[in-house]
Structures are given as C-alpha cells and as structure tokens.
Protein backbone atom coordinates (compact mmCIF):
# COMPACT_ATOMS: atom_id res chain seq x y z
CA MET A 1 0.00 0.00 0.00
CA TRP A 2 1.16 3.51 -0.79
CA ILE A 3 -0.06 6.76 0.71
CA ASP A 4 0.59 9.95 -1.21
CA GLN A 5 -1.23 13.23 -1.57
CA HIS A 6 -0.35 13.64 -5.25
CA GLU A 7 -1.03 10.95 -7.83
CA GLY A 8 1.06 11.94 -10.81
CA ALA A 9 3.56 10.32 -13.16
CA LYS A 10 6.34 10.42 -10.54
CA PHE A 11 4.18 8.70 -7.91
CA TRP A 12 3.03 5.95 -10.31
CA LEU A 13 6.58 5.46 -11.58
CA GLY A 14 7.67 4.81 -7.99
CA VAL A 15 4.82 2.34 -7.37
CA LEU A 16 5.50 0.39 -10.55
CA SER A 17 9.28 0.39 -9.98
CA GLU A 18 8.71 -1.09 -6.53
CA LEU A 19 6.37 -3.73 -7.93
CA LYS A 20 8.98 -4.68 -10.51
CA ASN A 21 11.69 -4.86 -7.83
CA ARG A 22 9.40 -7.11 -5.78
CA GLY A 23 9.01 -9.59 -8.64
CA VAL A 24 6.25 -8.47 -11.03
CA LYS A 25 8.13 -9.32 -14.21
CA ASP A 26 5.47 -8.55 -16.80
CA ILE A 27 1.99 -7.08 -17.26
CA LEU A 28 0.09 -8.12 -20.38
CA ILE A 29 -2.80 -5.65 -20.33
CA ALA A 30 -3.44 -2.68 -18.05
CA ALA A 31 -7.00 -1.35 -17.95
CA VAL A 32 -6.80 2.14 -16.46
CA ASP A 33 -9.36 4.78 -15.55
CA GLY A 34 -7.63 7.90 -16.84
CA LEU A 35 -5.39 8.75 -13.87
CA THR A 36 -2.85 11.37 -14.92
CA GLY A 37 0.59 9.92 -15.54
CA PHE A 38 -0.41 6.30 -14.96
CA PRO A 39 -0.32 5.07 -18.60
CA ASP A 40 3.06 6.76 -19.17
CA ALA A 41 4.48 5.19 -16.01
CA ILE A 42 3.24 1.74 -17.08
CA ARG A 43 4.82 2.11 -20.52
CA THR A 44 8.11 3.24 -18.94
CA ILE A 45 8.47 0.30 -16.53
CA TYR A 46 6.63 -2.33 -18.59
CA PRO A 47 7.10 -1.27 -22.24
CA GLN A 48 5.40 -4.39 -23.66
CA THR A 49 2.18 -3.78 -21.72
CA GLN A 50 -0.90 -2.89 -23.74
CA VAL A 51 -2.57 0.01 -21.93
CA GLN A 52 -6.27 0.65 -22.48
CA LEU A 53 -8.96 2.76 -20.87
CA CYS A 54 -11.66 1.11 -18.83
CA ILE A 55 -14.71 1.07 -21.11
CA VAL A 56 -17.13 1.48 -18.19
CA HIS A 57 -15.30 4.66 -17.16
CA MET A 58 -15.59 5.99 -20.70
CA ILE A 59 -19.34 5.36 -20.64
CA ARG A 60 -19.76 6.94 -17.19
CA ASN A 61 -17.75 9.99 -18.20
CA SER A 62 -19.89 10.32 -21.32
CA LEU A 63 -23.09 10.25 -19.29
CA LYS A 64 -21.90 13.18 -17.14
CA PHE A 65 -22.92 15.44 -20.02
CA VAL A 66 -26.35 13.88 -20.58
CA SER A 67 -29.75 14.85 -19.19
CA PHE A 68 -31.58 12.09 -17.32
CA LYS A 69 -34.25 11.64 -20.00
CA ASP A 70 -31.60 10.96 -22.70
CA ARG A 71 -29.37 8.62 -20.70
CA ALA A 72 -30.88 5.33 -21.88
CA ALA A 73 -30.79 6.41 -25.54
CA VAL A 74 -27.21 7.71 -25.33
CA THR A 75 -26.05 4.55 -23.53
CA ALA A 76 -27.64 2.42 -26.24
CA ALA A 77 -26.06 4.60 -28.96
CA LEU A 78 -22.59 4.18 -27.42
CA LYS A 79 -22.82 0.38 -27.29
CA PRO A 80 -22.07 -0.23 -31.01
CA ILE A 81 -18.77 1.60 -30.52
CA TYR A 82 -17.27 -0.64 -27.85
CA THR A 83 -18.93 -3.87 -29.03
CA ALA A 84 -17.75 -3.46 -32.64
CA ALA A 85 -15.88 -6.38 -34.15
CA ASN A 86 -12.84 -4.22 -34.91
CA GLU A 87 -11.50 -0.68 -34.80
CA GLU A 88 -12.76 0.25 -38.28
CA GLN A 89 -16.35 -0.67 -37.36
CA ALA A 90 -16.00 1.11 -34.02
CA LEU A 91 -14.90 4.34 -35.73
CA ALA A 92 -17.89 4.07 -38.08
CA ALA A 93 -20.16 3.63 -35.05
CA LEU A 94 -18.53 6.66 -33.40
CA ASP A 95 -19.19 8.72 -36.54
CA ALA A 96 -22.84 7.58 -36.51
CA PHE A 97 -23.05 8.54 -32.84
CA SER A 98 -21.60 11.97 -33.65
CA ARG A 99 -24.13 12.61 -36.41
CA THR A 100 -27.02 11.77 -34.06
CA TRP A 101 -25.88 13.32 -30.79
CA ASP A 102 -23.28 16.05 -31.41
CA ALA A 103 -25.91 18.75 -31.79
CA ARG A 104 -26.99 18.14 -28.17
CA TYR A 105 -23.91 16.64 -26.52
CA PRO A 106 -20.76 17.46 -28.55
CA MET A 107 -18.43 16.69 -25.63
CA ILE A 108 -19.20 12.96 -25.73
CA SER A 109 -17.83 12.13 -29.19
CA ARG A 110 -15.01 14.63 -28.63
CA SER A 111 -13.93 12.79 -25.45
CA TRP A 112 -13.98 9.40 -27.24
CA LYS A 113 -11.98 10.80 -30.16
CA THR A 114 -9.46 12.48 -27.84
CA ARG A 115 -8.89 9.22 -25.93
CA TRP A 116 -9.18 6.92 -28.96
CA THR A 117 -5.58 5.63 -28.82
CA GLU A 118 -6.32 4.35 -25.30
CA VAL A 119 -9.71 2.86 -26.30
CA ALA A 120 -8.57 1.16 -29.53
CA PRO A 121 -6.52 -1.67 -27.95
CA PHE A 122 -9.73 -3.08 -26.43
CA LEU A 123 -11.15 -3.55 -29.92
CA SER A 124 -8.26 -5.77 -31.01
CA TYR A 125 -9.04 -8.47 -28.44
CA PRO A 126 -11.38 -11.43 -28.91
CA GLU A 127 -14.65 -11.48 -26.98
CA GLU A 128 -13.28 -13.77 -24.25
CA ILE A 129 -10.60 -11.26 -23.27
CA ARG A 130 -12.90 -8.25 -23.66
CA LYS A 131 -15.21 -9.68 -21.00
CA VAL A 132 -12.32 -9.92 -18.53
CA ILE A 133 -10.87 -6.42 -19.12
CA TYR A 134 -14.08 -4.50 -19.87
CA THR A 135 -14.06 -2.74 -16.50
CA THR A 136 -12.00 -1.96 -13.41
CA ASN A 137 -15.07 -2.58 -11.21
CA ALA A 138 -13.25 -5.11 -9.00
CA ILE A 139 -10.79 -2.38 -8.01
CA GLU A 140 -13.62 0.15 -7.70
CA SER A 141 -15.37 -2.21 -5.29
CA VAL A 142 -12.27 -2.43 -3.09
CA SER A 143 -11.89 1.37 -3.13
CA TYR A 144 -15.55 1.82 -2.20
CA SER A 145 -15.20 -0.61 0.73
CA LEU A 146 -12.09 1.20 1.96
CA ARG A 147 -13.79 4.60 1.68
CA LYS A 148 -16.63 3.32 3.89
CA VAL A 149 -14.06 2.44 6.57
CA THR A 150 -11.96 5.60 6.35
CA ASN A 151 -14.86 8.07 5.95
CA ASN A 152 -16.18 7.12 9.39
CA ARG A 153 -13.06 8.64 10.94
CA LEU A 154 -12.79 12.43 11.16
CA SER A 155 -9.01 12.39 11.34
CA PHE A 156 -5.99 10.17 11.82
CA PRO A 157 -3.04 10.92 14.12
CA ASN A 158 -0.54 9.87 11.42
CA SER A 159 -0.14 7.88 8.21
CA ASP A 160 0.71 4.68 10.15
CA ALA A 161 -2.77 4.77 11.70
CA VAL A 162 -4.31 4.97 8.22
CA MET A 163 -2.14 2.10 6.98
CA LYS A 164 -3.16 -0.13 9.90
CA LEU A 165 -6.85 0.60 9.46
CA VAL A 166 -6.71 -0.01 5.69
CA PHE A 167 -4.69 -3.21 6.17
CA MET A 168 -7.25 -4.59 8.64
CA ALA A 169 -10.12 -3.59 6.33
CA LEU A 170 -8.42 -5.37 3.41
CA GLN A 171 -8.20 -8.55 5.46
CA ASN A 172 -12.00 -8.51 5.80
CA ILE A 173 -12.59 -7.47 2.20
CA ALA A 174 -10.37 -10.30 0.92
CA LYS A 175 -12.65 -12.89 2.55
CA LYS A 176 -15.30 -11.98 -0.04
CA TRP A 177 -13.00 -12.71 -2.98
CA THR A 178 -14.35 -16.18 -3.62
CA MET A 179 -15.88 -15.83 -7.08
CA PRO A 180 -13.59 -16.83 -9.97
CA ILE A 181 -13.48 -14.72 -13.11
CA LYS A 182 -16.32 -15.83 -15.36
CA GLU A 183 -15.16 -18.08 -18.22
CA TRP A 184 -11.53 -17.56 -17.20
CA ASN A 185 -10.31 -20.73 -18.98
CA ARG A 186 -11.51 -19.45 -22.34
CA ALA A 187 -9.92 -16.04 -21.70
CA HIS A 188 -6.68 -17.70 -20.59
CA ASN A 189 -6.52 -19.71 -23.81
CA GLN A 190 -6.93 -16.53 -25.87
CA LEU A 191 -4.20 -14.80 -23.82
CA VAL A 192 -1.84 -17.69 -24.58
CA ILE A 193 -2.60 -17.34 -28.29
CA LEU A 194 -2.02 -13.56 -28.23
CA PHE A 195 0.93 -13.32 -25.86
CA GLY A 196 2.60 -16.73 -26.21
CA ASP A 197 5.46 -17.38 -23.78
CA ARG A 198 4.61 -14.27 -21.74
CA VAL A 199 1.60 -16.16 -20.28
CA PRO A 200 2.55 -18.63 -17.51
CA ALA A 201 1.37 -22.20 -18.08
C-alpha cells in the first residue's frame, strides 16, 4: 500500500518500480481509468504492456454530459462503438453517434476521439478477453469498501494509523473474494494465443 497526496507520473513510476523490484516481471494488459501519468508510467516500466482505458469509465464519463431523459438512448447509442468487431467498425459507429448526438452533446464524441488511442486496444481483443478487461469494477469495489471504513473517521493521528486501518479492512474485504473470473479458462486460452510465452502455463 502507498499513501501519497499527489497521484502523478512520478508517484506511479515509484509504485511500478517497486512492484517490478518485488518480482512483477510482466503485465500483459493494463485497464486504467484515466489517472494522470499512470499510462506513461506503465509504458516506462513495462514497455510491452498494452494500456487501455476502462470502457465502463468511458461510458460513465460520457453520461456526465447527458440529461436524465436521454441517458438510456445515449447509452444504447454508445454500445455499437465498444462492441464493434474491430476498430474500423468502431470508428464508423462513433461517426454515426456523432451525427445523431453532437448537436446536443458534442463533448461525448469529442472525449472518445481524444482518448481513442487508449480505447482502440480493447477492440483488437477477442470477446473472451474483452469480458475480462471490460471494467475496473473489482478495483472500484475495493476502493468503495475502503472509503466506507476511512470516511467514518474524522481524522488520523498519522499515516501509520491509516495504513493499519486499511490493512485490517483489506483482510476482511479479501474474505469476499471467492468468485472466480467468469469463463476464465476461455480467456486464458486466448491470452496464450495472443501473448505466447509471456503467459505462464
């Protein structure tokens, strides 16, 4: 665990360097949520890693611009983009989305186009892998559980007190990690095909 007030490229570079020093030799795919400096730090320490944005975060960020009555329609209109068979079809779907929705919500297609290089890797994977990396919700769930524990405290005497509380909370949270990743064997087989010897047997 790391505690820092500023999450930037330097902080993430330190975290990833420590992970590498502690034995994390390789990362195949990193699904990130847009944290500043994180993708660059990953590429610096693990240059072979394919970095992609969490699709669920892209959808959530898109819906920030949308009125409640249009949310279902916009969500449905975004789906052909990230479920497209390949990047070419996804770009065509994004253009169709733009033609329909840019008059009301121009920021949505603009945000997808701006971040396209970080979205595109997702579209190169087969369906089995897409299902596994579609979202960072597992991490979000841990963060939510930790926030519930730390938000009940008004203050902490020092960072060691925070670390102890978070460590104890993680022990309880980890007891709930009993569900395997759905259809993991199929995803694992596809990872072996794509990444070869980089995937442990």
